[in-house]
């Protein structure tokens, strides 16, 4: 019996020095928010030619309910952090409200997810990408665009609707004063 106690102590001490496991849920239903990641700067750390960790910073829009918010973030992930393609958003939830998010990202070639923690600074504007440039825009202007294009990723409306530009047709082709109005851009911000 005296030999059992040292073995128990040895195994118990190994648990203290083992890397902490991130026991976050991998069920998308547990993540009520959506995040659109525009940009990220990342450094990937390797061990034996295998990616072991990625750290960096970036910018995104967070959708909570129907309210978008811009966020600047720093992250530490076990895998590379993916950016959103088009209007793609990733499931997210608050770990510490207003300070830290946990997001789900799909695993390549598998039917599963990886989690990643983001420390965030919530902004009073949203980010929009136009012509390859990332700009900011007031929340209410972006919400008007969301309503006009039926875009609400939290509620499953993941692709904005496109509306054709309004072009006035002249009623009398012979009338010189009747000309089509110039089309207005309805290209949605990404």
Protein backbone atom coordinates (compact mmCIF):
# COMPACT_ATOMS: atom_id res chain seq x y z
CA UNK A 1 0.00 0.00 0.00
CA UNK A 2 2.81 2.50 0.64
CA UNK A 3 3.82 2.29 -3.05
CA UNK A 4 0.40 3.40 -4.23
CA UNK A 5 0.59 6.83 -2.58
CA UNK A 6 3.70 7.99 -4.54
CA UNK A 7 2.07 6.85 -7.80
CA UNK A 8 -1.11 8.75 -7.01
CA UNK A 9 0.88 11.87 -6.13
CA UNK A 10 2.95 11.55 -9.31
CA UNK A 11 -0.13 11.32 -11.56
CA UNK A 12 -1.87 14.14 -9.70
CA UNK A 13 1.16 16.41 -10.16
CA UNK A 14 1.23 15.66 -13.91
CA UNK A 15 -2.27 17.10 -14.13
CA UNK A 16 -1.02 20.36 -12.66
CA UNK A 17 1.65 20.77 -15.33
CA UNK A 18 -0.37 19.55 -18.31
CA UNK A 19 -1.44 22.26 -20.76
CA UNK A 20 -4.86 23.60 -19.93
CA UNK A 21 -7.57 22.22 -22.11
CA UNK A 22 -10.02 24.63 -23.68
CA UNK A 23 -13.24 22.87 -22.91
CA UNK A 24 -15.47 25.11 -24.98
CA UNK A 25 -18.56 23.73 -26.65
CA UNK A 26 -18.23 22.91 -30.35
CA UNK A 27 -22.00 23.04 -30.92
CA UNK A 28 -22.97 26.04 -33.11
CA UNK A 29 -26.30 26.27 -31.27
CA UNK A 30 -24.37 27.45 -28.18
CA UNK A 31 -23.04 30.47 -30.11
CA UNK A 32 -25.81 33.09 -30.55
CA UNK A 33 -23.63 35.82 -32.11
CA UNK A 34 -22.04 36.08 -35.57
CA UNK A 35 -18.71 37.64 -36.48
CA UNK A 36 -17.45 38.80 -39.88
CA UNK A 37 -13.63 38.93 -39.86
CA UNK A 38 -12.28 41.44 -42.37
CA UNK A 39 -8.58 41.40 -41.66
CA UNK A 40 -6.03 39.80 -39.40
CA UNK A 41 -2.28 39.91 -38.94
CA UNK A 42 -1.01 36.60 -37.67
CA UNK A 43 2.12 34.82 -36.53
CA UNK A 44 1.98 31.03 -36.58
CA UNK A 45 4.17 28.97 -34.26
CA UNK A 46 5.30 25.50 -35.31
CA UNK A 47 6.56 22.45 -33.45
CA UNK A 48 7.99 19.55 -35.49
CA UNK A 49 6.65 21.18 -38.67
CA UNK A 50 3.10 21.21 -37.33
CA UNK A 51 1.23 24.45 -36.66
CA UNK A 52 0.79 24.58 -32.92
CA UNK A 53 -0.52 28.08 -32.23
CA UNK A 54 -1.45 31.32 -34.00
CA UNK A 55 -1.43 34.79 -32.43
CA UNK A 56 -2.28 38.15 -33.86
CA UNK A 57 -4.75 41.00 -34.19
CA UNK A 58 -7.49 42.07 -36.55
CA UNK A 59 -10.74 43.87 -37.31
CA UNK A 60 -14.27 42.53 -37.62
CA UNK A 61 -17.97 43.26 -37.28
CA UNK A 62 -19.88 41.53 -34.52
CA UNK A 63 -23.61 40.92 -34.95
CA UNK A 64 -25.52 40.69 -31.68
CA UNK A 65 -29.26 40.50 -32.22
CA UNK A 66 -29.76 42.76 -35.22
CA UNK A 67 -27.16 45.26 -34.05
CA UNK A 68 -23.77 45.33 -35.76
CA UNK A 69 -20.67 46.59 -33.93
CA UNK A 70 -17.13 47.04 -35.15
CA UNK A 71 -14.46 45.29 -33.07
CA UNK A 72 -10.70 45.39 -32.98
CA UNK A 73 -9.29 42.18 -31.55
CA UNK A 74 -6.24 40.22 -30.45
CA UNK A 75 -6.32 36.44 -30.63
CA UNK A 76 -4.61 33.23 -29.62
CA UNK A 77 -5.78 30.14 -31.50
CA UNK A 78 -4.64 26.54 -31.79
CA UNK A 79 -5.06 26.85 -35.58
CA UNK A 80 -4.79 29.71 -38.06
CA UNK A 81 -7.57 32.26 -37.78
CA UNK A 82 -9.71 32.36 -40.91
CA UNK A 83 -11.00 35.57 -42.45
CA UNK A 84 -14.53 35.77 -43.79
CA UNK A 85 -15.12 35.22 -47.47
CA UNK A 86 -17.76 37.50 -48.97
CA UNK A 87 -20.48 37.86 -46.35
CA UNK A 88 -19.52 34.71 -44.44
CA UNK A 89 -19.78 34.96 -40.66
CA UNK A 90 -18.64 32.63 -37.92
CA UNK A 91 -20.59 31.63 -34.78
CA UNK A 92 -19.47 33.48 -31.65
CA UNK A 93 -20.37 33.90 -27.98
CA UNK A 94 -19.24 36.12 -25.14
CA UNK A 95 -16.74 34.58 -22.72
CA UNK A 96 -16.52 37.91 -20.86
CA UNK A 97 -19.19 40.34 -22.14
CA UNK A 98 -17.66 43.32 -23.92
CA UNK A 99 -14.11 41.95 -23.46
CA UNK A 100 -13.61 38.42 -24.76
CA UNK A 101 -15.30 36.29 -27.42
CA UNK A 102 -15.04 32.62 -28.31
CA UNK A 103 -15.64 31.83 -31.97
CA UNK A 104 -16.14 28.62 -33.94
CA UNK A 105 -14.34 28.00 -37.21
CA UNK A 106 -14.87 25.00 -39.46
CA UNK A 107 -12.06 22.43 -39.57
CA UNK A 108 -10.71 21.83 -43.05
CA UNK A 109 -11.61 18.40 -44.40
CA UNK A 110 -13.63 17.48 -41.32
CA UNK A 111 -17.17 17.86 -40.08
CA UNK A 112 -16.17 19.73 -36.94
CA UNK A 113 -15.08 23.04 -35.48
CA UNK A 114 -12.10 24.64 -33.77
CA UNK A 115 -12.52 27.34 -31.14
CA UNK A 116 -10.54 30.54 -30.83
CA UNK A 117 -10.54 33.27 -28.17
CA UNK A 118 -10.57 36.93 -29.16
CA UNK A 119 -9.94 39.80 -26.76
CA UNK A 120 -11.99 42.65 -28.20
CA UNK A 121 -12.43 46.40 -28.10
CA UNK A 122 -16.00 47.19 -29.17
CA UNK A 123 -16.37 50.30 -31.34
CA UNK A 124 -19.31 52.68 -31.79
CA UNK A 125 -19.18 52.20 -35.58
CA UNK A 126 -19.01 49.29 -38.03
CA UNK A 127 -16.38 48.40 -40.60
CA UNK A 128 -17.18 48.32 -44.32
CA UNK A 129 -14.97 47.25 -47.21
CA UNK A 130 -15.33 49.15 -50.46
CA UNK A 131 -12.98 48.81 -53.41
CA UNK A 132 -10.51 46.89 -51.25
CA UNK A 133 -10.32 49.59 -48.58
CA UNK A 134 -11.54 49.08 -45.02
CA UNK A 135 -13.47 52.09 -43.74
CA UNK A 136 -15.82 52.84 -40.87
CA UNK A 137 -19.47 53.84 -41.05
CA UNK A 138 -22.08 54.84 -38.45
CA UNK A 139 -24.08 51.90 -37.07
CA UNK A 140 -27.44 53.40 -38.10
CA UNK A 141 -26.32 53.82 -41.74
CA UNK A 142 -25.19 50.18 -41.86
CA UNK A 143 -28.45 49.04 -40.22
CA UNK A 144 -30.39 50.86 -42.94
CA UNK A 145 -28.33 49.01 -45.55
CA UNK A 146 -29.01 45.72 -43.71
CA UNK A 147 -32.76 46.38 -43.71
CA UNK A 148 -32.79 47.42 -47.37
CA UNK A 149 -30.90 44.27 -48.43
CA UNK A 150 -32.56 41.86 -45.96
CA UNK A 151 -29.20 40.98 -44.38
CA UNK A 152 -29.22 39.67 -40.81
CA UNK A 153 -26.68 36.87 -40.17
CA UNK A 154 -27.85 36.24 -36.59
CA UNK A 155 -31.27 35.28 -37.96
CA UNK A 156 -30.07 33.14 -40.86
CA UNK A 157 -30.13 35.86 -43.54
CA UNK A 158 -26.51 35.34 -44.54
CA UNK A 159 -26.57 36.75 -48.06
CA UNK A 160 -27.81 40.26 -48.79
CA UNK A 161 -30.36 40.64 -51.53
CA UNK A 162 -29.28 42.63 -54.55
CA UNK A 163 -31.63 45.20 -55.92
CA UNK A 164 -31.37 46.35 -59.50
CA UNK A 165 -30.44 50.01 -59.95
CA UNK A 166 -33.45 52.20 -60.52
CA UNK A 167 -33.49 53.53 -64.08
CA UNK A 168 -36.30 55.83 -65.14
CA UNK A 169 -37.61 55.05 -68.61
CA UNK A 170 -38.84 57.93 -70.72
CA UNK A 171 -42.51 57.82 -71.58
CA UNK A 172 -42.04 59.73 -74.82
CA UNK A 173 -38.87 58.88 -76.75
CA UNK A 174 -39.21 62.05 -78.85
CA UNK A 175 -39.16 64.34 -75.83
CA UNK A 176 -35.67 65.85 -75.35
CA UNK A 177 -36.34 66.60 -71.68
CA UNK A 178 -36.94 62.97 -70.81
CA UNK A 179 -33.72 61.08 -70.21
CA UNK A 180 -32.94 58.12 -68.00
CA UNK A 181 -31.68 59.00 -64.58
CA UNK A 182 -28.20 57.82 -63.76
CA UNK A 183 -28.14 54.52 -61.88
CA UNK A 184 -27.11 54.63 -58.26
CA UNK A 185 -24.73 52.10 -56.86
CA UNK A 186 -26.39 49.46 -54.74
CA UNK A 187 -23.22 47.49 -54.20
CA UNK A 188 -23.36 46.33 -50.61
CA UNK A 189 -20.46 46.91 -48.25
CA UNK A 190 -18.59 43.71 -47.46
